Amino acid sequence: MNSKLVIVLKEEKGETRCSMSEKDLFKVEQDGYIAWLTLNRPDHRNIMGLAFFKELTKHFERFDEDPSVRAVVIKAEGKSFTAGLDLLEFGSLLGGEIGADTREQLRKTILQCQEGMNAIERCRKPVIAAVHSHCIGAGVDLLCACDIRMATKDAIFSIRETRMGLIADLGTLQRLPHIIGHGWFRELALTGRDFTSQEALQMGFITRIGEDRQGLYEEAKGIASQIAACPPLAVQGAKEVILYSRDHGVNAGLHYVAQKNAAALPSEDVTEAMSAFMEKRTPVFKGK
């Protein structure tokens, strides 16, 4: 099979829909309203190069626009979830003479990579990360952009950049304090030390620990299914309000949600929810 061929299989009514990108960096499967995005460089421990971030942005822009997607789960093939950045590829950007033009290009490259993580956070559909084994460096940046994180009991995390003479620049330093608080965050960011799934659970970085990968994926599917069963516009609106309130503060967030609800209500899904409750049946939400 031609590796550059884009494979698209579409099946309706609960059947799986699969696609693979040109560079095979990701696998995408859709099961009902849940999209599964799989990191697919197992032979390279799913390290992240420039193409990774470009493809990541494209995938999440598509998920955001696709009404058939109501939740996304990120997982990975191979022995590690990810070993972080492709240091050989990014190291090549610093080769040769270092001048003002080189530094400007590096700045643009960093911003481009940040956009991949931003696309995850910006996606209106809730994103769940299901982590196994090592999740290092840029992998933590990726997790910080997700809404919900869970891991196997053998998972190991690290803001490794500190130990490499670098400053984490893809979102960890900006997002992680809001997730776990400054106490734990500063210890992890300033030491660069490894921390376990049990520690991650204790500090609130992850919410669940699975015995193994299969159990973890079942847990992730269960949470994603609960999200997908809710009225999609309400879920997406809640995510937008959460992020807006984080970035603008309590009072601005309260004004924002008041305006958002005033514009959105009533909706067909609210009417359906009330009718289903009165009729003691399962509601069917259409995102309208």
C-alpha atoms as a PDB file:
ATOM      1  CA  MET A   1       0.000   0.000   0.000  1.00  0.00           C
ATOM      2  CA  ASN A   2       1.251   3.470  -0.861  1.00  0.00           C
ATOM      3  CA  SER A   3       2.266   5.073   2.446  1.00  0.00           C
ATOM      4  CA  LYS A   4       1.203   8.500   1.156  1.00  0.00           C
ATOM      5  CA  LEU A   5      -2.301   7.304   0.448  1.00  0.00           C
ATOM      6  CA  VAL A   6      -4.853   8.736   2.834  1.00  0.00           C
ATOM      7  CA  ILE A   7      -7.144   5.937   3.926  1.00  0.00           C
ATOM      8  CA  VAL A   8     -10.669   6.884   4.876  1.00  0.00           C
ATOM      9  CA  LEU A   9     -13.253   4.330   5.931  1.00  0.00           C
ATOM     10  CA  LYS A  10     -16.714   5.668   6.725  1.00  0.00           C
ATOM     11  CA  GLU A  11     -19.371   3.614   8.396  1.00  0.00           C
ATOM     12  CA  GLU A  12     -22.548   4.864   9.956  1.00  0.00           C
ATOM     13  CA  LYS A  13     -24.696   4.108  13.001  1.00  0.00           C
ATOM     14  CA  GLY A  14     -22.152   3.282  15.660  1.00  0.00           C
ATOM     15  CA  GLU A  15     -19.606   1.534  13.452  1.00  0.00           C
ATOM     16  CA  THR A  16     -15.964   2.543  13.488  1.00  0.00           C
ATOM     17  CA  ARG A  17     -14.575   5.168  11.139  1.00  0.00           C
ATOM     18  CA  CYS A  18     -10.781   5.200  10.649  1.00  0.00           C
ATOM     19  CA  SER A  19      -8.230   7.386   8.932  1.00  0.00           C
ATOM     20  CA  MET A  20      -4.449   7.641   8.809  1.00  0.00           C
ATOM     21  CA  SER A  21      -2.435  10.740   8.005  1.00  0.00           C
ATOM     22  CA  GLU A  22       0.052  10.891   5.156  1.00  0.00           C
ATOM     23  CA  LYS A  23       3.033  10.617   7.451  1.00  0.00           C
ATOM     24  CA  ASP A  24       1.380   7.968   9.652  1.00  0.00           C
ATOM     25  CA  LEU A  25       2.130  10.061  12.730  1.00  0.00           C
ATOM     26  CA  PHE A  26      -1.361   9.460  14.065  1.00  0.00           C
ATOM     27  CA  LYS A  27      -4.146   6.966  13.746  1.00  0.00           C
ATOM     28  CA  VAL A  28      -7.705   8.221  14.048  1.00  0.00           C
ATOM     29  CA  GLU A  29     -10.656   6.008  14.864  1.00  0.00           C
ATOM     30  CA  GLN A  30     -14.200   7.076  15.593  1.00  0.00           C
ATOM     31  CA  ASP A  31     -16.552   4.984  17.678  1.00  0.00           C
ATOM     32  CA  GLY A  32     -19.954   6.629  17.819  1.00  0.00           C
ATOM     33  CA  TYR A  33     -19.438  10.194  19.032  1.00  0.00           C
ATOM     34  CA  ILE A  34     -15.943   9.459  20.421  1.00  0.00           C
ATOM     35  CA  ALA A  35     -12.799  10.136  18.357  1.00  0.00           C
ATOM     36  CA  TRP A  36      -9.647   8.226  19.350  1.00  0.00           C
ATOM     37  CA  LEU A  37      -6.400   9.928  18.336  1.00  0.00           C
ATOM     38  CA  THR A  38      -3.427   7.571  18.658  1.00  0.00           C
ATOM     39  CA  LEU A  39       0.214   8.702  18.640  1.00  0.00           C
ATOM     40  CA  ASN A  40       1.713   6.337  16.078  1.00  0.00           C
ATOM     41  CA  ARG A  41       5.529   6.367  16.134  1.00  0.00           C
ATOM     42  CA  PRO A  42       6.055   3.394  18.462  1.00  0.00           C
ATOM     43  CA  ASP A  43       9.521   2.595  17.092  1.00  0.00           C
ATOM     44  CA  HIS A  44      10.637   6.112  18.089  1.00  0.00           C
ATOM     45  CA  ARG A  45       8.795   6.256  21.438  1.00  0.00           C
ATOM     46  CA  ASN A  46       6.321   8.680  19.847  1.00  0.00           C
ATOM     47  CA  ILE A  47       8.745  11.592  19.863  1.00  0.00           C
ATOM     48  CA  MET A  48       7.395  14.860  18.516  1.00  0.00           C
ATOM     49  CA  GLY A  49       8.883  16.608  15.490  1.00  0.00           C
ATOM     50  CA  LEU A  50       7.683  19.615  13.513  1.00  0.00           C
ATOM     51  CA  ALA A  51       5.355  17.481  11.389  1.00  0.00           C
ATOM     52  CA  PHE A  52       3.768  16.142  14.583  1.00  0.00           C
ATOM     53  CA  PHE A  53       2.641  19.602  15.689  1.00  0.00           C
ATOM     54  CA  LYS A  54       1.355  20.538  12.232  1.00  0.00           C
ATOM     55  CA  GLU A  55      -0.694  17.347  12.013  1.00  0.00           C
ATOM     56  CA  LEU A  56      -1.909  17.759  15.601  1.00  0.00           C
ATOM     57  CA  THR A  57      -3.300  21.193  14.757  1.00  0.00           C
ATOM     58  CA  LYS A  58      -5.091  19.856  11.683  1.00  0.00           C
ATOM     59  CA  HIS A  59      -6.666  16.973  13.573  1.00  0.00           C
ATOM     60  CA  PHE A  60      -8.038  19.144  16.371  1.00  0.00           C
ATOM     61  CA  GLU A  61      -9.332  21.780  14.005  1.00  0.00           C
ATOM     62  CA  ARG A  62     -11.246  18.995  12.254  1.00  0.00           C
ATOM     63  CA  PHE A  63     -12.541  17.552  15.539  1.00  0.00           C
ATOM     64  CA  ASP A  64     -13.723  21.027  16.536  1.00  0.00           C
ATOM     65  CA  GLU A  65     -15.728  21.451  13.336  1.00  0.00           C
ATOM     66  CA  ASP A  66     -17.088  17.896  13.086  1.00  0.00           C
ATOM     67  CA  PRO A  67     -20.563  17.651  14.698  1.00  0.00           C
ATOM     68  CA  SER A  68     -20.235  13.857  14.842  1.00  0.00           C
ATOM     69  CA  VAL A  69     -17.394  14.237  17.380  1.00  0.00           C
ATOM     70  CA  ARG A  70     -18.439  15.036  20.943  1.00  0.00           C
ATOM     71  CA  ALA A  71     -15.339  13.861  22.840  1.00  0.00           C
ATOM     72  CA  VAL A  72     -11.737  12.986  21.964  1.00  0.00           C
ATOM     73  CA  VAL A  73      -9.406  10.476  23.632  1.00  0.00           C
ATOM     74  CA  ILE A  74      -5.640  10.658  23.040  1.00  0.00           C
ATOM     75  CA  LYS A  75      -3.629   7.455  23.498  1.00  0.00           C
ATOM     76  CA  ALA A  76      -0.402   6.027  22.089  1.00  0.00           C
ATOM     77  CA  GLU A  77       1.066   2.919  20.477  1.00  0.00           C
ATOM     78  CA  GLY A  78       4.255   1.253  21.680  1.00  0.00           C
ATOM     79  CA  LYS A  79       6.164   1.070  24.946  1.00  0.00           C
ATOM     80  CA  SER A  80       5.900   4.775  25.812  1.00  0.00           C
ATOM     81  CA  PHE A  81       3.152   7.361  25.539  1.00  0.00           C
ATOM     82  CA  THR A  82       5.829   9.822  24.405  1.00  0.00           C
ATOM     83  CA  ALA A  83       9.482  10.586  25.087  1.00  0.00           C
ATOM     84  CA  GLY A  84       8.875  14.252  24.242  1.00  0.00           C
ATOM     85  CA  LEU A  85      10.485  16.364  21.547  1.00  0.00           C
ATOM     86  CA  ASP A  86      12.553  14.934  18.726  1.00  0.00           C
ATOM     87  CA  LEU A  87      15.803  16.405  20.036  1.00  0.00           C
ATOM     88  CA  LEU A  88      17.790  15.517  16.913  1.00  0.00           C
ATOM     89  CA  GLU A  89      15.382  17.369  14.650  1.00  0.00           C
ATOM     90  CA  PHE A  90      15.094  20.428  16.866  1.00  0.00           C
ATOM     91  CA  GLY A  91      18.828  20.392  17.607  1.00  0.00           C
ATOM     92  CA  SER A  92      19.486  20.786  13.900  1.00  0.00           C
ATOM     93  CA  LEU A  93      17.771  24.186  14.067  1.00  0.00           C
ATOM     94  CA  LEU A  94      20.668  25.399  16.207  1.00  0.00           C
ATOM     95  CA  GLY A  95      23.399  24.131  13.910  1.00  0.00           C
ATOM     96  CA  GLY A  96      25.690  26.453  11.954  1.00  0.00           C
ATOM     97  CA  GLU A  97      25.921  30.169  12.527  1.00  0.00           C
ATOM     98  CA  ILE A  98      23.522  31.667  15.052  1.00  0.00           C
ATOM     99  CA  GLY A  99      22.391  35.090  13.920  1.00  0.00           C
ATOM    100  CA  ALA A 100      19.351  37.308  14.295  1.00  0.00           C
ATOM    101  CA  ASP A 101      17.612  35.545  11.397  1.00  0.00           C
ATOM    102  CA  THR A 102      18.221  32.118  12.949  1.00  0.00           C
ATOM    103  CA  ARG A 103      16.834  33.248  16.288  1.00  0.00           C
ATOM    104  CA  GLU A 104      13.763  34.722  14.604  1.00  0.00           C
ATOM    105  CA  GLN A 105      13.165  31.451  12.778  1.00  0.00           C
ATOM    106  CA  LEU A 106      13.493  29.554  16.045  1.00  0.00           C
ATOM    107  CA  ARG A 107      10.918  31.867  17.646  1.00  0.00           C
ATOM    108  CA  LYS A 108       8.484  31.185  14.806  1.00  0.00           C
ATOM    109  CA  THR A 109       9.101  27.446  15.088  1.00  0.00           C
ATOM    110  CA  ILE A 110       8.340  27.489  18.817  1.00  0.00           C
ATOM    111  CA  LEU A 111       5.116  29.415  18.175  1.00  0.00           C
ATOM    112  CA  GLN A 112       4.141  26.897  15.506  1.00  0.00           C
ATOM    113  CA  CYS A 113       4.666  24.025  17.926  1.00  0.00           C
ATOM    114  CA  GLN A 114       2.715  25.870  20.622  1.00  0.00           C
ATOM    115  CA  GLU A 115      -0.176  26.095  18.193  1.00  0.00           C
ATOM    116  CA  GLY A 116      -0.474  22.308  18.179  1.00  0.00           C
ATOM    117  CA  MET A 117      -1.033  22.328  21.946  1.00  0.00           C
ATOM    118  CA  ASN A 118      -3.299  25.390  21.707  1.00  0.00           C
ATOM    119  CA  ALA A 119      -5.454  23.537  19.184  1.00  0.00           C
ATOM    120  CA  ILE A 120      -6.126  20.820  21.757  1.00  0.00           C
ATOM    121  CA  GLU A 121      -7.186  23.331  24.385  1.00  0.00           C
ATOM    122  CA  ARG A 122      -9.128  25.444  21.884  1.00  0.00           C
ATOM    123  CA  CYS A 123     -11.080  22.452  20.568  1.00  0.00           C
ATOM    124  CA  ARG A 124     -14.615  22.796  21.923  1.00  0.00           C
ATOM    125  CA  LYS A 125     -14.926  19.037  22.287  1.00  0.00           C
ATOM    126  CA  PRO A 126     -13.573  17.769  25.650  1.00  0.00           C
ATOM    127  CA  VAL A 127     -10.233  15.964  25.329  1.00  0.00           C
ATOM    128  CA  ILE A 128      -9.154  13.038  27.526  1.00  0.00           C
ATOM    129  CA  ALA A 129      -5.536  11.843  27.678  1.00  0.00           C
ATOM    130  CA  ALA A 130      -4.975   8.152  28.473  1.00  0.00           C
ATOM    131  CA  VAL A 131      -1.271   7.758  29.340  1.00  0.00           C
ATOM    132  CA  HIS A 132       0.866   4.663  29.767  1.00  0.00           C
ATOM    133  CA  SER A 133       4.538   4.309  30.706  1.00  0.00           C
ATOM    134  CA  HIS A 134       6.701   7.404  30.025  1.00  0.00           C
ATOM    135  CA  CYS A 135       5.248  10.822  29.294  1.00  0.00           C
ATOM    136  CA  ILE A 136       8.222  13.178  29.188  1.00  0.00           C
ATOM    137  CA  GLY A 137       8.830  16.850  28.428  1.00  0.00           C
ATOM    138  CA  ALA A 138       6.536  17.978  25.625  1.00  0.00           C
ATOM    139  CA  GLY A 139       4.245  15.103  26.560  1.00  0.00           C
ATOM    140  CA  VAL A 140       3.419  16.966  29.770  1.00  0.00           C
ATOM    141  CA  ASP A 141       2.761  20.104  27.694  1.00  0.00           C
ATOM    142  CA  LEU A 142       0.269  18.061  25.674  1.00  0.00           C
ATOM    143  CA  LEU A 143      -1.453  16.711  28.785  1.00  0.00           C
ATOM    144  CA  CYS A 144      -1.783  20.194  30.255  1.00  0.00           C
ATOM    145  CA  ALA A 145      -3.807  21.230  27.197  1.00  0.00           C
ATOM    146  CA  CYS A 146      -6.267  18.351  27.720  1.00  0.00           C
ATOM    147  CA  ASP A 147      -9.382  18.548  29.868  1.00  0.00           C
ATOM    148  CA  ILE A 148      -9.064  15.218  31.668  1.00  0.00           C
ATOM    149  CA  ARG A 149      -5.979  13.092  32.260  1.00  0.00           C
ATOM    150  CA  MET A 150      -5.713   9.475  33.396  1.00  0.00           C
ATOM    151  CA  ALA A 151      -2.842   6.998  33.413  1.00  0.00           C
ATOM    152  CA  THR A 152      -1.758   3.424  34.040  1.00  0.00           C
ATOM    153  CA  LYS A 153      -0.150   2.671  37.386  1.00  0.00           C
ATOM    154  CA  ASP A 154       3.295   2.345  35.731  1.00  0.00           C
ATOM    155  CA  ALA A 155       3.172   5.838  34.171  1.00  0.00           C
ATOM    156  CA  ILE A 156       6.108   8.193  34.730  1.00  0.00           C
ATOM    157  CA  PHE A 157       5.967  11.936  34.057  1.00  0.00           C
ATOM    158  CA  SER A 158       8.670  14.601  33.943  1.00  0.00           C
ATOM    159  CA  ILE A 159       9.058  18.265  33.017  1.00  0.00           C
ATOM    160  CA  ARG A 160      12.414  17.141  31.684  1.00  0.00           C
ATOM    161  CA  GLU A 161      13.383  20.401  29.964  1.00  0.00           C
ATOM    162  CA  THR A 162      14.837  21.803  33.192  1.00  0.00           C
ATOM    163  CA  ARG A 163      17.364  18.975  33.347  1.00  0.00           C
ATOM    164  CA  MET A 164      18.276  19.532  29.687  1.00  0.00           C
ATOM    165  CA  GLY A 165      19.179  23.205  30.084  1.00  0.00           C
ATOM    166  CA  LEU A 166      15.917  24.311  28.468  1.00  0.00           C
ATOM    167  CA  ILE A 167      12.807  26.176  29.533  1.00  0.00           C
ATOM    168  CA  ALA A 168       9.565  24.315  28.860  1.00  0.00           C
ATOM    169  CA  ASP A 169       7.932  26.460  26.176  1.00  0.00           C
ATOM    170  CA  LEU A 170       4.858  24.607  24.899  1.00  0.00           C
ATOM    171  CA  GLY A 171       2.406  25.391  27.679  1.00  0.00           C
ATOM    172  CA  THR A 172       3.335  23.488  30.846  1.00  0.00           C
ATOM    173  CA  LEU A 173       4.588  26.563  32.696  1.00  0.00           C
ATOM    174  CA  GLN A 174       1.423  28.469  31.805  1.00  0.00           C
ATOM    175  CA  ARG A 175      -1.216  25.753  32.299  1.00  0.00           C
ATOM    176  CA  LEU A 176       0.010  23.344  34.959  1.00  0.00           C
ATOM    177  CA  PRO A 177      -0.247  25.796  37.926  1.00  0.00           C
ATOM    178  CA  HIS A 178      -3.969  26.113  37.224  1.00  0.00           C
ATOM    179  CA  ILE A 179      -4.314  22.326  37.343  1.00  0.00           C
ATOM    180  CA  ILE A 180      -2.268  21.362  40.431  1.00  0.00           C
ATOM    181  CA  GLY A 181      -1.487  24.651  42.179  1.00  0.00           C
ATOM    182  CA  HIS A 182       1.831  26.412  42.530  1.00  0.00           C
ATOM    183  CA  GLY A 183       3.247  24.274  45.345  1.00  0.00           C
ATOM    184  CA  TRP A 184       3.556  21.004  43.465  1.00  0.00           C
ATOM    185  CA  PHE A 185       4.040  22.780  40.147  1.00  0.00           C
ATOM    186  CA  ARG A 186       7.131  24.716  41.181  1.00  0.00           C
ATOM    187  CA  GLU A 187       8.771  21.664  42.689  1.00  0.00           C
ATOM    188  CA  LEU A 188       8.271  19.660  39.496  1.00  0.00           C
ATOM    189  CA  ALA A 189       9.180  22.486  37.097  1.00  0.00           C
ATOM    190  CA  LEU A 190      12.311  23.562  38.958  1.00  0.00           C
ATOM    191  CA  THR A 191      13.715  20.088  39.649  1.00  0.00           C
ATOM    192  CA  GLY A 192      12.657  18.373  36.418  1.00  0.00           C
ATOM    193  CA  ARG A 193      12.338  15.179  38.465  1.00  0.00           C
ATOM    194  CA  ASP A 194      10.281  12.162  37.512  1.00  0.00           C
ATOM    195  CA  PHE A 195       6.956  11.701  39.246  1.00  0.00           C
ATOM    196  CA  THR A 196       4.724   8.643  39.334  1.00  0.00           C
ATOM    197  CA  SER A 197       1.077   8.128  38.494  1.00  0.00           C
ATOM    198  CA  GLN A 198       0.338   7.847  42.220  1.00  0.00           C
ATOM    199  CA  GLU A 199       1.922  11.251  42.835  1.00  0.00           C
ATOM    200  CA  ALA A 200       0.093  12.645  39.799  1.00  0.00           C
ATOM    201  CA  LEU A 201      -3.198  11.382  41.260  1.00  0.00           C
ATOM    202  CA  GLN A 202      -2.377  12.829  44.680  1.00  0.00           C
ATOM    203  CA  MET A 203      -1.701  16.292  43.272  1.00  0.00           C
ATOM    204  CA  GLY A 204      -4.732  16.238  40.960  1.00  0.00           C
ATOM    205  CA  PHE A 205      -2.827  16.125  37.668  1.00  0.00           C
ATOM    206  CA  ILE A 206      -4.619  12.888  36.744  1.00  0.00           C
ATOM    207  CA  THR A 207      -8.025  11.775  37.995  1.00  0.00           C
ATOM    208  CA  ARG A 208      -7.833   7.990  37.564  1.00  0.00           C
ATOM    209  CA  ILE A 209      -5.268   5.179  37.538  1.00  0.00           C
ATOM    210  CA  GLY A 210      -5.768   2.045  35.457  1.00  0.00           C
ATOM    211  CA  GLU A 211      -4.196  -1.322  36.234  1.00  0.00           C
ATOM    212  CA  ASP A 212      -3.170  -1.758  32.605  1.00  0.00           C
ATOM    213  CA  ARG A 213      -3.671  -0.122  29.224  1.00  0.00           C
ATOM    214  CA  GLN A 214      -6.832  -2.030  28.329  1.00  0.00           C
ATOM    215  CA  GLY A 215      -8.420  -1.128  31.640  1.00  0.00           C
ATOM    216  CA  LEU A 216      -7.324   2.475  31.216  1.00  0.00           C
ATOM    217  CA  TYR A 217      -8.865   2.715  27.758  1.00  0.00           C
ATOM    218  CA  GLU A 218     -12.129   1.278  29.069  1.00  0.00           C
ATOM    219  CA  GLU A 219     -12.110   3.962  31.794  1.00  0.00           C
ATOM    220  CA  ALA A 220     -11.424   6.655  29.205  1.00  0.00           C
ATOM    221  CA  LYS A 221     -14.207   5.353  26.976  1.00  0.00           C
ATOM    222  CA  GLY A 222     -16.598   5.370  29.932  1.00  0.00           C
ATOM    223  CA  ILE A 223     -15.866   9.025  30.747  1.00  0.00           C
ATOM    224  CA  ALA A 224     -15.995  10.018  27.067  1.00  0.00           C
ATOM    225  CA  SER A 225     -19.333   8.221  26.697  1.00  0.00           C
ATOM    226  CA  GLN A 226     -20.783  10.133  29.659  1.00  0.00           C
ATOM    227  CA  ILE A 227     -19.646  13.395  28.049  1.00  0.00           C
ATOM    228  CA  ALA A 228     -21.017  12.380  24.649  1.00  0.00           C
ATOM    229  CA  ALA A 229     -24.393  11.545  26.204  1.00  0.00           C
ATOM    230  CA  CYS A 230     -24.833  15.138  27.396  1.00  0.00           C
ATOM    231  CA  PRO A 231     -26.220  17.940  25.207  1.00  0.00           C
ATOM    232  CA  PRO A 232     -23.173  18.840  23.063  1.00  0.00           C
ATOM    233  CA  LEU A 233     -23.740  22.596  23.023  1.00  0.00           C
ATOM    234  CA  ALA A 234     -23.927  22.654  26.818  1.00  0.00           C
ATOM    235  CA  VAL A 235     -20.702  20.653  27.138  1.00  0.00           C
ATOM    236  CA  GLN A 236     -18.882  22.816  24.614  1.00  0.00           C
ATOM    237  CA  GLY A 237     -20.207  25.972  26.212  1.00  0.00           C
ATOM    238  CA  ALA A 238     -19.059  24.811  29.638  1.00  0.00           C
ATOM    239  CA  LYS A 239     -15.537  24.216  28.318  1.00  0.00           C
ATOM    240  CA  GLU A 240     -15.438  27.687  26.770  1.00  0.00           C
ATOM    241  CA  VAL A 241     -16.610  29.285  30.020  1.00  0.00           C
ATOM    242  CA  ILE A 242     -14.050  27.318  32.059  1.00  0.00           C
ATOM    243  CA  LEU A 243     -11.190  28.551  29.886  1.00  0.00           C
ATOM    244  CA  TYR A 244     -12.505  32.116  29.696  1.00  0.00           C
ATOM    245  CA  SER A 245     -12.896  32.301  33.466  1.00  0.00           C
ATOM    246  CA  ARG A 246      -9.391  30.917  34.020  1.00  0.00           C
ATOM    247  CA  ASP A 247      -7.875  33.550  31.740  1.00  0.00           C
ATOM    248  CA  HIS A 248     -10.043  36.553  32.704  1.00  0.00           C
ATOM    249  CA  GLY A 249     -11.060  36.008  36.326  1.00  0.00           C
ATOM    250  CA  VAL A 250     -14.247  35.315  38.263  1.00  0.00           C
ATOM    251  CA  ASN A 251     -16.256  38.470  37.562  1.00  0.00           C
ATOM    252  CA  ALA A 252     -15.520  38.491  33.844  1.00  0.00           C
ATOM    253  CA  GLY A 253     -16.335  34.784  33.735  1.00  0.00           C
ATOM    254  CA  LEU A 254     -19.706  35.354  35.410  1.00  0.00           C
ATOM    255  CA  HIS A 255     -20.633  38.067  32.915  1.00  0.00           C
ATOM    256  CA  TYR A 256     -19.481  35.836  30.049  1.00  0.00           C
ATOM    257  CA  VAL A 257     -21.593  32.839  31.118  1.00  0.00           C
ATOM    258  CA  ALA A 258     -24.650  35.071  31.680  1.00  0.00           C
ATOM    259  CA  GLN A 259     -24.352  36.397  28.140  1.00  0.00           C
ATOM    260  CA  LYS A 260     -23.710  32.921  26.745  1.00  0.00           C
ATOM    261  CA  ASN A 261     -26.751  31.364  28.407  1.00  0.00           C
ATOM    262  CA  ALA A 262     -28.963  34.302  27.451  1.00  0.00           C
ATOM    263  CA  ALA A 263     -27.952  33.783  23.819  1.00  0.00           C
ATOM    264  CA  ALA A 264     -28.248  30.002  23.869  1.00  0.00           C
ATOM    265  CA  LEU A 265     -31.476  29.425  25.803  1.00  0.00           C
ATOM    266  CA  PRO A 266     -33.931  28.012  25.144  1.00  0.00           C
ATOM    267  CA  SER A 267     -32.603  25.296  22.856  1.00  0.00           C
ATOM    268  CA  GLU A 268     -34.045  22.128  21.352  1.00  0.00           C
ATOM    269  CA  ASP A 269     -31.777  20.044  23.581  1.00  0.00           C
ATOM    270  CA  VAL A 270     -33.047  21.765  26.749  1.00  0.00           C
ATOM    271  CA  THR A 271     -36.628  21.033  25.668  1.00  0.00           C
ATOM    272  CA  GLU A 272     -35.644  17.436  24.911  1.00  0.00           C
ATOM    273  CA  ALA A 273     -33.964  17.044  28.312  1.00  0.00           C
ATOM    274  CA  MET A 274     -37.098  18.263  30.100  1.00  0.00           C
ATOM    275  CA  SER A 275     -39.423  16.114  27.989  1.00  0.00           C
ATOM    276  CA  ALA A 276     -37.294  13.016  28.533  1.00  0.00           C
ATOM    277  CA  PHE A 277     -37.254  13.636  32.292  1.00  0.00           C
ATOM    278  CA  MET A 278     -41.045  13.967  32.432  1.00  0.00           C
ATOM    279  CA  GLU A 279     -41.546  10.922  30.198  1.00  0.00           C
ATOM    280  CA  LYS A 280     -38.917   8.856  32.077  1.00  0.00           C
ATOM    281  CA  ARG A 281     -36.932   8.008  28.951  1.00  0.00           C
ATOM    282  CA  THR A 282     -33.379   8.482  27.685  1.00  0.00           C
ATOM    283  CA  PRO A 283     -32.989  11.851  25.941  1.00  0.00           C
ATOM    284  CA  VAL A 284     -31.711  12.108  22.377  1.00  0.00           C
ATOM    285  CA  PHE A 285     -29.623  15.260  21.945  1.00  0.00           C
ATOM    286  CA  LYS A 286     -28.923  16.783  18.530  1.00  0.00           C
ATOM    287  CA  GLY A 287     -26.762  19.770  19.382  1.00  0.00           C
ATOM    288  CA  LYS A 288     -29.512  22.240  18.440  1.00  0.00           C
END
